[in-house]
Protein backbone atom coordinates (compact mmCIF):
# COMPACT_ATOMS: atom_id res chain seq x y z
CA MET A 1 14.44 -162.60 247.12
CA LYS A 2 11.48 -163.57 249.28
CA ARG A 3 11.05 -167.20 249.70
CA LYS A 4 7.32 -167.25 248.76
CA THR A 5 8.18 -165.41 245.29
CA LEU A 6 10.47 -168.28 244.28
CA ILE A 7 8.07 -170.75 245.17
CA TRP A 8 5.26 -169.24 243.23
CA LEU A 9 7.60 -169.00 240.43
CA LEU A 10 8.58 -172.79 240.50
CA MET A 11 5.03 -173.57 240.67
CA GLY A 12 4.50 -172.21 237.20
CA PHE A 13 3.40 -168.87 238.47
CA ALA A 14 6.02 -166.93 237.07
CA ALA A 15 3.25 -165.43 234.53
CA LEU A 16 1.47 -164.00 237.48
CA ALA A 17 3.80 -161.16 238.48
CA LEU A 18 1.08 -158.77 237.33
CA THR A 19 0.45 -155.14 237.37
CA VAL A 20 -2.39 -154.71 239.77
CA PRO A 21 -5.02 -152.18 238.84
CA PRO A 22 -6.18 -149.61 241.52
CA ALA A 23 -8.21 -151.11 244.34
CA ALA A 24 -11.20 -149.48 243.08
CA GLN A 25 -11.26 -151.66 240.03
CA GLN A 26 -10.97 -154.71 241.89
CA GLN A 27 -14.34 -155.08 243.20
CA ALA A 28 -16.58 -158.07 242.10
CA GLN A 29 -17.94 -157.51 238.92
CA ALA A 30 -21.39 -158.71 237.54
CA PRO A 31 -21.25 -160.43 234.14
CA ALA A 32 -21.13 -157.81 231.48
CA GLN A 33 -23.57 -157.43 228.67
CA GLN A 34 -22.58 -159.80 226.00
CA SER A 35 -21.20 -158.25 222.73
CA PHE A 36 -20.76 -159.96 219.53
CA LEU A 37 -17.52 -160.88 217.70
CA PRO A 38 -17.14 -161.26 213.92
CA SER A 39 -18.97 -164.45 212.78
CA SER A 40 -17.94 -166.97 210.25
CA ALA A 41 -20.22 -169.04 208.04
CA SER A 42 -20.17 -171.70 210.69
CA PHE A 43 -19.95 -169.94 214.09
CA THR A 44 -21.52 -166.97 215.88
CA GLY A 45 -19.02 -165.32 218.24
CA ARG A 46 -19.61 -163.24 221.29
CA ALA A 47 -17.89 -161.94 224.31
CA VAL A 48 -19.11 -162.78 227.92
CA ARG A 49 -17.87 -162.63 231.51
CA ILE A 50 -17.65 -165.82 233.48
CA PRO A 51 -18.14 -165.43 237.07
CA MET A 52 -15.86 -166.95 239.60
CA ARG A 53 -16.20 -168.44 243.18
CA ASP A 54 -14.86 -165.25 244.73
CA GLY A 55 -17.12 -162.89 243.12
CA GLN A 56 -14.90 -161.78 240.41
CA SER A 57 -15.47 -162.61 236.53
CA LEU A 58 -13.16 -163.67 233.83
CA ALA A 59 -13.36 -162.23 230.13
CA ALA A 60 -14.27 -164.88 227.64
CA ASP A 61 -15.09 -165.19 223.96
CA ILE A 62 -17.54 -168.12 222.91
CA TYR A 63 -18.05 -169.41 219.49
CA LEU A 64 -21.20 -171.18 219.04
CA PRO A 65 -22.12 -173.29 215.94
CA LYS A 66 -25.03 -171.75 213.84
CA THR A 67 -26.77 -175.04 213.92
CA VAL A 68 -29.33 -175.61 216.80
CA GLY A 69 -28.50 -177.97 219.46
CA LYS A 70 -26.29 -178.88 222.40
CA PHE A 71 -22.50 -179.29 221.81
CA PRO A 72 -19.33 -180.56 223.47
CA VAL A 73 -17.12 -177.66 224.34
CA VAL A 74 -13.44 -176.98 223.93
CA LEU A 75 -11.96 -174.70 226.60
CA VAL A 76 -8.94 -172.69 225.97
CA GLN A 77 -7.40 -170.52 228.74
CA THR A 78 -4.61 -168.09 227.90
CA PRO A 79 -2.37 -165.48 229.40
CA TYR A 80 -1.34 -164.07 226.06
CA ASN A 81 -4.79 -162.25 224.96
CA LYS A 82 -7.65 -164.07 223.40
CA ASP A 83 -8.25 -161.46 220.79
CA PRO A 84 -5.81 -162.50 218.26
CA MET A 85 -7.39 -165.94 218.10
CA HIS A 86 -10.47 -164.54 216.36
CA SER A 87 -9.23 -165.47 212.81
CA TRP A 88 -8.93 -169.26 213.92
CA TRP A 89 -12.75 -169.75 213.55
CA LEU A 90 -12.71 -167.82 210.25
CA GLY A 91 -10.41 -170.48 208.91
CA GLU A 92 -7.74 -168.04 208.73
CA GLY A 93 -4.39 -167.65 210.49
CA ARG A 94 -1.87 -170.43 211.45
CA TRP A 95 -4.46 -173.43 211.63
CA GLY A 96 -6.16 -172.80 208.19
CA ALA A 97 -9.61 -174.12 207.20
CA ASN A 98 -8.98 -177.86 208.40
CA SER A 99 -8.76 -177.55 212.04
CA ILE A 100 -10.56 -178.31 215.26
CA PHE A 101 -11.57 -174.65 215.30
CA THR A 102 -13.38 -174.82 212.15
CA ASP A 103 -15.39 -177.85 213.30
CA SER A 104 -18.76 -176.85 213.96
CA ASN A 105 -19.49 -180.18 215.84
CA TYR A 106 -17.84 -178.08 218.94
CA ALA A 107 -18.61 -175.04 220.72
CA PHE A 108 -15.72 -173.10 222.08
CA VAL A 109 -14.85 -170.84 224.93
CA VAL A 110 -11.48 -168.82 225.34
CA VAL A 111 -10.77 -167.12 228.54
CA ASP A 112 -8.32 -164.56 229.46
CA TRP A 113 -6.38 -165.62 232.55
CA ARG A 114 -7.24 -163.76 235.88
CA GLY A 115 -5.09 -160.70 235.72
CA LYS A 116 -4.34 -160.74 232.16
CA PHE A 117 -5.71 -158.45 229.50
CA ALA A 118 -9.56 -158.51 229.51
CA SER A 119 -9.52 -160.29 232.81
CA GLN A 120 -6.91 -157.85 234.41
CA ASN A 121 -9.38 -156.31 236.83
CA ALA A 122 -10.24 -159.89 238.31
CA GLN A 123 -6.85 -159.84 240.12
CA VAL A 124 -7.22 -159.58 243.77
CA PRO A 125 -4.14 -157.50 245.13
CA GLY A 126 -1.79 -159.71 247.29
CA LYS A 127 -3.27 -162.87 246.35
CA PRO A 128 -1.79 -165.24 243.64
CA PRO A 129 -4.26 -166.42 241.21
CA ASN A 130 -5.43 -170.00 241.55
CA ILE A 131 -5.50 -170.84 237.69
CA GLY A 132 -6.86 -174.40 238.26
CA GLN A 133 -9.90 -173.22 240.47
CA ASP A 134 -10.78 -170.65 237.68
CA GLY A 135 -10.60 -173.35 235.21
CA PHE A 136 -12.83 -175.46 237.52
CA ASP A 137 -15.19 -172.56 237.74
CA ALA A 138 -15.14 -171.81 233.86
CA ILE A 139 -16.14 -175.58 233.27
CA ASP A 140 -18.89 -175.47 235.85
CA TRP A 141 -20.24 -172.32 234.06
CA ILE A 142 -19.90 -173.68 230.72
CA THR A 143 -22.01 -176.93 231.54
CA LYS A 144 -24.78 -174.88 232.86
CA GLN A 145 -25.36 -173.10 229.58
CA GLU A 146 -28.14 -173.99 227.34
CA TRP A 147 -25.64 -174.87 224.46
CA SER A 148 -23.52 -177.17 226.32
CA ASN A 149 -24.00 -181.02 226.26
CA GLY A 150 -22.04 -181.18 229.39
CA LYS A 151 -18.77 -182.55 228.01
CA VAL A 152 -15.69 -180.60 228.15
CA THR A 153 -12.08 -180.91 226.84
CA THR A 154 -9.24 -178.37 227.25
CA TRP A 155 -6.52 -177.44 224.61
CA GLY A 156 -3.44 -175.16 224.37
CA LEU A 157 0.27 -174.67 224.13
CA SER A 158 2.69 -173.91 226.58
CA ALA A 159 1.27 -171.63 229.44
CA LEU A 160 -2.09 -172.64 227.74
CA GLY A 161 -0.99 -176.38 228.67
CA ARG A 162 0.21 -175.42 232.03
CA VAL A 163 -3.31 -174.40 233.17
CA GLN A 164 -4.93 -177.59 231.76
CA TYR A 165 -2.69 -179.65 234.31
CA GLU A 166 -3.84 -177.03 237.26
CA THR A 167 -7.46 -177.36 235.99
CA ALA A 168 -7.51 -181.02 235.71
CA ARG A 169 -5.98 -181.64 239.27
CA GLU A 170 -9.00 -179.92 240.46
CA ASN A 171 -11.04 -182.66 239.09
CA PRO A 172 -13.94 -181.01 237.45
CA PRO A 173 -16.72 -183.66 236.87
CA ASN A 174 -17.40 -182.50 233.27
CA LEU A 175 -13.77 -182.51 232.04
CA VAL A 176 -13.57 -185.40 229.66
CA CYS A 177 -10.03 -185.03 228.30
CA ALA A 178 -7.09 -182.70 227.69
CA VAL A 179 -4.63 -181.65 225.17
CA PRO A 180 -1.66 -180.15 226.63
CA ILE A 181 1.01 -179.18 224.13
CA VAL A 182 4.86 -178.37 224.68
CA MET A 183 4.58 -178.06 228.34
CA PRO A 184 5.79 -180.31 231.25
CA LEU A 185 3.83 -180.91 234.32
CA ASN A 186 6.02 -178.58 236.17
CA LEU A 187 9.06 -176.35 235.98
CA PRO A 188 11.50 -177.89 238.59
CA TYR A 189 15.05 -176.37 239.44
CA ASP A 190 16.68 -178.53 236.54
CA THR A 191 14.43 -176.68 233.90
CA TYR A 192 16.07 -173.30 234.89
CA PHE A 193 19.62 -174.71 235.72
CA PRO A 194 20.21 -177.48 233.24
CA GLY A 195 23.74 -178.84 233.90
CA GLY A 196 23.75 -176.56 237.05
CA VAL A 197 23.81 -173.55 234.64
CA LEU A 198 21.15 -170.89 234.54
CA TRP A 199 19.22 -170.94 231.34
CA GLU A 200 19.64 -167.25 230.80
CA GLU A 201 18.09 -166.79 227.39
CA PHE A 202 14.98 -168.78 228.59
CA THR A 203 14.59 -166.61 231.68
CA LEU A 204 15.09 -163.33 229.90
CA MET A 205 12.46 -164.35 227.26
CA LEU A 206 10.06 -165.30 229.75
CA GLY A 207 10.36 -161.51 231.03
CA ARG A 208 9.78 -160.38 227.27
CA ILE A 209 6.50 -162.32 226.78
CA GLY A 210 5.01 -161.01 230.01
CA PHE A 211 5.97 -163.61 232.82
CA GLY A 212 7.85 -161.17 235.13
CA THR A 213 11.12 -159.27 234.24
CA ALA A 214 12.47 -160.39 237.57
CA ILE A 215 12.70 -163.91 236.98
CA ARG A 216 16.48 -163.99 235.76
CA ASP A 217 17.69 -162.25 238.86
CA ASN A 218 15.55 -164.02 241.37
CA LEU A 219 16.90 -167.38 240.07
CA ALA A 220 20.45 -166.20 239.93
CA ALA A 221 20.19 -165.30 243.44
CA ARG A 222 19.45 -168.89 244.46
CA PRO A 223 21.72 -170.99 242.04
CA LEU A 224 21.77 -173.99 244.10
CA TYR A 225 19.14 -176.76 244.50
CA ASP A 226 17.93 -176.03 248.20
CA ASP A 227 15.04 -176.44 250.40
CA VAL A 228 13.18 -173.50 248.75
CA TYR A 229 13.10 -175.48 245.41
CA LYS A 230 12.04 -178.83 247.56
CA ALA A 231 9.26 -176.71 249.20
CA ALA A 232 7.90 -175.65 245.74
CA GLU A 233 7.99 -179.25 244.57
CA SER A 234 5.43 -180.05 247.18
CA ALA A 235 2.83 -178.07 245.50
CA PHE A 236 3.80 -179.48 242.04
CA VAL A 237 1.26 -181.28 239.86
CA LYS A 238 1.57 -185.04 240.36
CA GLY A 239 0.84 -187.97 238.20
CA GLU A 240 -2.16 -189.04 240.45
CA ASP A 241 -3.55 -185.58 240.13
CA ILE A 242 -4.63 -186.22 236.63
CA ARG A 243 -7.66 -188.56 236.00
CA VAL A 244 -8.69 -187.83 232.50
CA PRO A 245 -6.91 -189.10 229.20
CA ALA A 246 -4.37 -186.53 227.77
CA LEU A 247 -2.95 -186.15 224.44
CA PHE A 248 0.64 -184.90 224.96
CA ILE A 249 2.39 -183.24 222.18
CA GLY A 250 6.02 -182.17 222.16
CA GLY A 251 8.81 -181.40 219.75
CA TRP A 252 12.54 -182.49 219.43
CA TYR A 253 13.59 -178.86 219.18
CA ASP A 254 11.16 -177.70 221.87
CA ILE A 255 12.57 -175.97 224.92
CA TYR A 256 10.58 -178.63 226.94
CA THR A 257 11.52 -181.79 225.15
CA GLU A 258 12.38 -183.69 228.26
CA GLY A 259 9.59 -182.34 230.30
CA VAL A 260 6.84 -183.23 227.98
CA ILE A 261 8.20 -186.93 227.68
CA ALA A 262 8.53 -186.99 231.57
CA ALA A 263 4.90 -185.71 231.92
CA PHE A 264 3.51 -188.59 229.67
CA GLN A 265 5.54 -191.14 231.54
CA GLU A 266 4.45 -190.01 234.93
CA ILE A 267 0.82 -189.95 233.96
CA ARG A 268 1.19 -193.42 232.30
CA THR A 269 2.65 -194.81 235.64
CA LYS A 270 0.76 -192.75 238.36
CA GLY A 271 -2.18 -191.16 236.86
CA GLY A 272 -5.99 -192.14 237.33
CA GLU A 273 -6.97 -195.27 235.60
CA LYS A 274 -8.33 -193.48 232.39
CA ALA A 275 -5.30 -191.30 232.35
CA ARG A 276 -2.92 -194.21 232.59
CA LEU A 277 -4.49 -196.36 230.10
CA HIS A 278 -5.65 -193.86 227.44
CA SER A 279 -3.00 -190.95 227.50
CA ARG A 280 -1.08 -190.66 224.39
CA LEU A 281 2.14 -188.85 223.32
CA ILE A 282 3.28 -187.40 219.98
CA MET A 283 6.71 -185.89 219.50
CA GLY A 284 7.38 -184.14 216.28
CA PRO A 285 10.39 -182.31 214.75
CA TRP A 286 9.07 -179.07 216.10
CA VAL A 287 10.37 -176.21 218.08
CA HIS A 288 8.22 -174.62 220.78
CA ASN A 289 5.12 -174.81 218.88
CA MET A 290 3.23 -177.55 216.93
CA ASP A 291 2.76 -178.51 213.16
CA GLN A 292 4.81 -175.92 211.59
CA LEU A 293 6.29 -176.97 208.14
CA LYS A 294 9.72 -175.01 208.75
CA ASN A 295 11.62 -175.49 212.08
CA GLY A 296 14.76 -173.66 212.14
CA GLN A 297 16.52 -173.98 208.58
CA LEU A 298 14.91 -177.33 207.84
CA GLU A 299 11.38 -178.19 206.60
CA PHE A 300 9.56 -181.22 207.59
CA PRO A 301 6.57 -181.68 205.17
CA ALA A 302 5.47 -185.04 206.62
CA ALA A 303 5.10 -183.51 210.06
CA HIS A 304 3.00 -180.36 208.72
CA LEU A 305 -0.43 -180.31 210.71
CA PHE A 306 -0.06 -183.71 211.82
CA ALA A 307 -0.74 -183.02 215.55
CA MET A 308 -3.83 -181.04 214.73
CA LYS A 309 -5.11 -183.96 212.60
CA LYS A 310 -4.32 -186.19 215.78
CA THR A 311 -6.16 -183.80 218.03
CA ARG A 312 -9.33 -183.80 215.89
CA GLU A 313 -9.30 -187.62 216.09
CA PHE A 314 -8.50 -187.72 219.93
CA MET A 315 -11.31 -185.33 220.79
CA ASP A 316 -13.83 -187.00 218.27
CA TYR A 317 -13.26 -190.39 220.06
CA TRP A 318 -13.49 -189.08 223.82
CA VAL A 319 -15.75 -185.98 223.44
CA ARG A 320 -18.04 -186.81 220.71
CA GLY A 321 -17.83 -190.66 221.15
CA ILE A 322 -17.07 -191.14 217.33
CA PRO A 323 -16.06 -194.72 216.71
CA ASN A 324 -12.89 -193.86 214.84
CA GLY A 325 -10.82 -196.48 216.72
CA PHE A 326 -8.47 -193.84 218.02
CA ASP A 327 -7.68 -195.55 221.16
CA LYS A 328 -6.83 -198.80 219.79
CA ALA A 329 -5.04 -197.71 216.70
CA GLN A 330 -2.98 -195.00 218.22
CA ALA A 331 0.15 -196.41 219.89
CA PRO A 332 1.12 -195.04 223.26
CA ILE A 333 3.98 -192.94 221.51
CA THR A 334 4.05 -191.65 217.94
CA TYR A 335 7.29 -189.99 217.11
CA PHE A 336 8.75 -188.35 214.11
CA GLN A 337 12.17 -189.72 213.06
CA MET A 338 14.20 -187.13 211.48
CA GLY A 339 16.63 -187.72 208.71
CA ALA A 340 14.25 -190.71 207.61
CA ASN A 341 11.47 -188.06 207.76
CA GLU A 342 8.89 -190.55 208.84
CA TRP A 343 6.54 -191.17 211.88
CA ARG A 344 7.15 -194.32 213.96
CA THR A 345 5.61 -195.70 216.92
CA ALA A 346 6.63 -197.22 220.48
CA GLN A 347 5.08 -198.64 223.56
CA SER A 348 7.61 -197.01 225.76
CA TRP A 349 10.53 -194.36 225.58
CA PRO A 350 13.05 -194.87 224.51
CA PRO A 351 12.04 -197.41 221.99
CA GLN A 352 12.66 -201.10 222.45
CA GLY A 353 16.17 -202.10 221.25
CA SER A 354 17.72 -198.50 221.74
CA ARG A 355 21.24 -199.00 223.06
CA ASP A 356 23.84 -196.75 224.24
CA THR A 357 26.69 -196.83 221.79
CA GLU A 358 30.01 -195.05 222.40
CA PHE A 359 31.78 -192.81 219.78
CA PHE A 360 35.13 -191.98 221.18
CA LEU A 361 36.70 -188.67 220.71
CA GLY A 362 40.06 -189.17 218.97
CA SER A 363 43.30 -186.93 219.17
CA ASP A 364 42.85 -186.29 215.35
CA LYS A 365 39.34 -184.79 215.98
CA THR A 366 37.66 -187.84 214.75
CA LEU A 367 34.73 -189.84 216.28
CA ALA A 368 35.15 -193.53 216.23
CA GLN A 369 33.60 -196.66 217.80
CA ARG A 370 37.14 -198.00 218.56
CA ALA A 371 38.48 -196.88 221.99
CA PRO A 372 41.79 -194.82 221.65
CA LYS A 373 44.79 -197.27 222.54
CA GLY A 374 47.62 -194.50 222.89
CA ASN A 375 48.54 -192.03 225.27
CA SER A 376 47.73 -189.00 222.99
CA ALA A 377 48.16 -185.42 224.51
CA PRO A 378 45.02 -183.73 225.60
CA LEU A 379 43.25 -181.19 223.15
CA THR A 380 43.33 -177.63 224.54
CA PHE A 381 41.57 -174.46 224.10
CA ARG A 382 41.12 -171.12 225.81
CA TYR A 383 37.74 -169.92 226.91
CA ASP A 384 37.31 -166.24 227.44
CA PRO A 385 33.96 -165.25 229.14
CA ALA A 386 34.33 -161.75 227.44
CA ASN A 387 34.17 -163.57 223.94
CA PRO A 388 31.76 -166.47 224.25
CA VAL A 389 30.59 -168.81 221.58
CA PRO A 390 27.52 -167.60 220.19
CA THR A 391 24.10 -169.55 220.38
CA VAL A 392 22.80 -170.48 217.10
CA GLY A 393 19.64 -172.15 216.84
CA GLY A 394 18.84 -175.14 219.09
CA HIS A 395 16.45 -175.53 222.12
CA VAL A 396 15.59 -171.79 222.70
CA LEU A 397 12.63 -169.49 222.79
CA THR A 398 14.08 -166.32 221.61
CA PRO A 399 13.08 -165.69 217.85
CA GLU A 400 16.32 -163.70 217.15
CA LEU A 401 18.19 -166.74 217.94
CA GLN A 402 16.36 -168.91 215.19
CA PRO A 403 15.15 -171.84 217.34
CA GLY A 404 15.62 -175.24 215.70
CA PRO A 405 18.14 -176.86 213.40
CA ALA A 406 20.70 -174.27 212.25
CA ASP A 407 24.14 -174.55 210.40
CA GLN A 408 26.98 -174.32 212.89
CA ARG A 409 29.74 -173.82 210.56
CA ASP A 410 30.36 -170.05 210.24
CA LYS A 411 29.56 -168.63 213.68
CA VAL A 412 30.48 -171.79 215.86
CA GLU A 413 32.76 -174.40 214.30
CA GLY A 414 35.33 -171.84 212.92
CA ARG A 415 36.22 -170.48 216.31
CA SER A 416 39.82 -171.24 217.99
CA ASP A 417 37.91 -172.02 221.33
CA VAL A 418 36.06 -174.94 220.16
CA LEU A 419 36.94 -178.48 219.40
CA VAL A 420 35.34 -180.21 216.49
CA PHE A 421 35.19 -184.13 216.16
CA SER A 422 33.50 -185.85 213.27
CA THR A 423 33.06 -189.48 211.93
CA PRO A 424 34.10 -190.42 208.53
CA VAL A 425 31.30 -190.21 205.79
CA LEU A 426 28.75 -193.10 206.74
CA ASN A 427 28.56 -195.89 204.39
CA LYS A 428 25.07 -196.69 205.73
CA ASP A 429 22.24 -195.16 207.65
CA LEU A 430 22.64 -194.97 211.87
CA ALA A 431 19.53 -194.24 213.46
CA ILE A 432 19.32 -192.88 217.11
CA ALA A 433 16.03 -192.46 219.54
CA GLY A 434 16.56 -191.56 223.01
CA LYS A 435 18.93 -189.54 225.16
CA VAL A 436 22.41 -188.32 224.06
CA LYS A 437 25.15 -188.06 226.59
CA ILE A 438 28.93 -187.02 226.54
CA LYS A 439 31.28 -188.32 228.85
CA LEU A 440 34.38 -186.20 229.00
CA PHE A 441 37.63 -186.43 231.01
CA VAL A 442 38.51 -182.59 231.53
CA SER A 443 40.83 -180.30 233.18
CA SER A 444 41.19 -176.62 233.75
CA ASP A 445 43.75 -174.03 235.11
CA ARG A 446 40.70 -172.29 236.87
CA PRO A 447 38.80 -173.42 239.86
CA ASP A 448 35.62 -173.33 237.74
CA THR A 449 34.58 -173.37 234.33
CA ASP A 450 31.82 -174.92 232.19
CA PHE A 451 32.01 -177.60 229.26
CA THR A 452 29.45 -177.41 226.44
CA ALA A 453 28.56 -179.83 223.55
CA ILE A 454 26.49 -179.55 220.49
CA LEU A 455 25.64 -182.80 218.34
CA THR A 456 25.22 -181.96 214.63
CA ASP A 457 24.20 -183.79 211.47
CA VAL A 458 26.66 -182.94 208.62
CA HIS A 459 25.05 -182.95 205.31
CA PRO A 460 26.83 -184.03 202.09
CA ASP A 461 26.97 -180.38 201.11
CA GLY A 462 28.67 -179.36 204.19
CA ARG A 463 26.01 -177.89 206.49
CA SER A 464 26.48 -178.76 210.22
CA MET A 465 22.85 -179.00 211.40
CA SER A 466 22.41 -178.76 215.07
CA ILE A 467 20.41 -181.70 216.78
CA THR A 468 20.76 -181.24 220.50
CA GLU A 469 23.05 -179.49 222.90
CA GLY A 470 24.02 -179.44 226.70
CA ILE A 471 26.13 -178.00 229.28
CA ARG A 472 27.77 -178.89 232.58
CA ARG A 473 29.25 -176.47 235.31
CA MET A 474 32.27 -178.00 236.90
CA ARG A 475 31.68 -176.56 240.44
CA LEU A 476 28.42 -178.42 240.35
CA ARG A 477 29.63 -181.48 238.56
CA ASN A 478 28.56 -183.98 241.30
CA SER A 479 25.46 -182.25 242.92
CA THR A 480 23.53 -178.98 242.15
CA SER A 481 23.21 -178.98 245.94
CA LYS A 482 26.70 -178.66 246.82
CA VAL A 483 29.75 -176.54 245.34
CA GLU A 484 33.05 -178.50 244.71
CA PHE A 485 35.47 -176.35 243.08
CA ILE A 486 38.20 -178.24 241.04
CA LYS A 487 41.81 -178.10 241.47
CA PRO A 488 43.63 -176.61 238.64
CA GLY A 489 45.45 -179.17 236.29
CA GLU A 490 43.47 -182.21 237.90
CA VAL A 491 41.65 -184.35 235.52
CA TYR A 492 37.95 -184.94 236.21
CA PRO A 493 35.38 -187.27 234.69
CA VAL A 494 32.08 -185.18 233.66
CA THR A 495 29.00 -186.08 231.97
CA ILE A 496 26.91 -183.53 229.90
CA ASP A 497 23.26 -184.50 229.36
CA LEU A 498 21.97 -183.45 225.88
CA SER A 499 18.19 -183.39 225.24
CA THR A 500 16.43 -186.53 223.85
CA THR A 501 16.01 -186.70 220.13
CA ALA A 502 15.16 -189.24 217.23
CA LEU A 503 17.05 -188.82 214.03
CA THR A 504 18.59 -191.17 211.38
CA PHE A 505 22.10 -189.97 210.11
CA LEU A 506 21.77 -190.95 206.60
CA LYS A 507 24.28 -192.65 204.30
CA GLY A 508 26.66 -189.96 203.15
CA HIS A 509 26.28 -187.77 206.11
CA ARG A 510 28.63 -187.50 209.21
CA ILE A 511 28.18 -187.26 212.89
CA ARG A 512 29.95 -184.27 214.50
CA LEU A 513 30.39 -183.21 218.07
CA ILE A 514 31.41 -179.52 219.03
CA VAL A 515 32.87 -179.16 222.52
CA SER A 516 33.68 -175.79 223.94
CA SER A 517 32.93 -173.91 227.21
CA SER A 518 30.10 -171.39 226.35
CA ASN A 519 27.10 -171.18 224.39
CA TYR A 520 25.74 -167.62 225.04
CA PRO A 521 23.23 -166.28 225.35
CA LYS A 522 21.37 -169.57 225.95
CA TYR A 523 23.66 -170.54 228.93
CA ALA A 524 24.82 -167.89 231.54
CA LEU A 525 28.37 -167.37 231.31
CA ASN A 526 31.04 -168.87 233.56
CA LEU A 527 33.56 -166.19 234.94
CA ASN A 528 36.13 -169.05 235.58
CA ASP A 529 36.71 -168.25 239.29
CA ASP A 530 35.63 -169.36 242.63
CA GLY A 531 33.54 -166.09 243.23
CA SER A 532 29.71 -166.11 243.31
CA MET A 533 27.89 -167.08 240.09
CA TYR A 534 26.06 -164.76 237.77
CA ARG A 535 27.51 -161.54 239.11
CA LYS A 536 28.66 -158.96 236.67
CA GLY A 537 32.36 -158.89 235.67
CA ALA A 538 34.92 -159.61 233.00
CA GLY A 539 36.12 -162.89 234.66
CA GLN A 540 39.16 -164.62 233.73
CA VAL A 541 40.44 -166.63 230.79
CA ALA A 542 40.37 -170.28 231.34
CA THR A 543 42.75 -172.87 229.56
CA ASN A 544 40.63 -176.14 229.32
CA SER A 545 41.68 -179.53 228.12
CA ILE A 546 39.65 -182.75 226.77
CA TYR A 547 41.39 -185.97 227.31
CA VAL A 548 41.22 -188.47 224.67
CA ASP A 549 43.73 -191.21 225.56
CA LYS A 550 43.48 -194.91 226.54
CA LYS A 551 43.12 -194.20 230.44
CA ARG A 552 40.73 -191.15 229.85
CA PRO A 553 38.71 -192.13 226.77
CA SER A 554 36.14 -189.31 226.25
CA ALA A 555 33.07 -190.36 224.40
CA LEU A 556 29.91 -189.23 222.76
CA ILE A 557 27.03 -191.93 223.70
CA LEU A 558 24.24 -192.23 221.33
CA PRO A 559 21.08 -194.24 221.81
CA VAL A 560 21.33 -196.44 218.54
CA ILE A 561 18.35 -198.31 217.44
CA GLY A 562 18.03 -200.78 214.77
CA ARG A 563 16.56 -198.79 211.72
């Protein structure tokens, strides 16, 4: 794999592995004749081309209020095709009739990224697109139009959030604020290799949705954190690059839960003055999306369309100057406490008063706050990479895996290669908010293996609903830059980081921890040997052990809060 290819990938340009049209189609294009789109009662839509600084032009749809005047503009830049969004301005589709897209106080511009869909011909062969510069040029063009009042905000989810960061770092003078949704500032090594293990499901899904089919193999060829990853980081978006207020929106079941929180925290500490003082974070119970009623196998009515409501308040305050009190009334962090099913606020994350509390794994498969006192034998299971524990829900992107909370009983807990630890039925509510960790003492009869963990909330009807999950590769247990194989039979301490969450285990429920050595296809399989990682092959069966005695007290660590 070429060094430059991986650097572009880690900079967030995986999407830009494009099919380049013939050279004859790459010539500079004059703005095309405007064509009209279906109009609604409030908007008139038309297709245009927006000129870029290099002589190319990007395809865009603009939606203008039917009233006469100059309007603030919402800019949306997408690699996924602008055409399916048409229904939004008709009050149809996912956002319905009461969204920012039906508010005729704004004009809207939706642009296909360079090299994508109607902007495909704007791609210059051999030159990676600079999506930030394209965003700057789009804003510059917008502010010169007779229907623009010179104020622009950006909006969008996932990759549509990524381009907002790149645009903001170019510092367009007319950019007022931004709404990046379910997207970190950057995608570093740890995003692709959580716990030192390739996030295989994620990389394969990126290929399916148009971000380059070679992503998985390119990353697998360079599994250690090395100078190439460090070189990529030098080009990352940094907190100080963002100077405008941003409304960050993320989800407890999103694939980027940690990254969204980290982005907000970096902007709040290192961003420009307006960004530091006025950015806000909303964390809902959502998968890689926002505002949906159903996430996985659970519904959250109190969170339905909440983020869109806050988006309108945020934009109205900053872009239209409406004195709705948003900046003072909206706490720095608003988060959804699952279980209790209510919105809460915090000044920082984790919330004040969150404290790490240990629940020790017992030899009788219990979880208890009292540390073990005896010399119990370790709990042992066999992990066969040819028959891995299946991924059921969780923090995944692939629709077939049903992202979000999912019952683990049938396909996971009943297997012989998992260990299941549970508390007694709770006699009072227990609330957590923050990062979940597992500290294990382990051994294996192989030079390498993985250990996985899933935290679940066991309902009174028996459903064991997943909350968060994680993994750790033993050869990379101390550092993802250096391989250290384990000695068969020797006991090692290892920590598994699970993603941040906020949930109240209600009275009558139980807390459950599932420990194993695979969670596939989310995480790439460990073949349990000292060979190269991620090669094809049957691998070897490993006999793995968890220690739960006085000297080696394995524990689940929960961030317990007061309510």
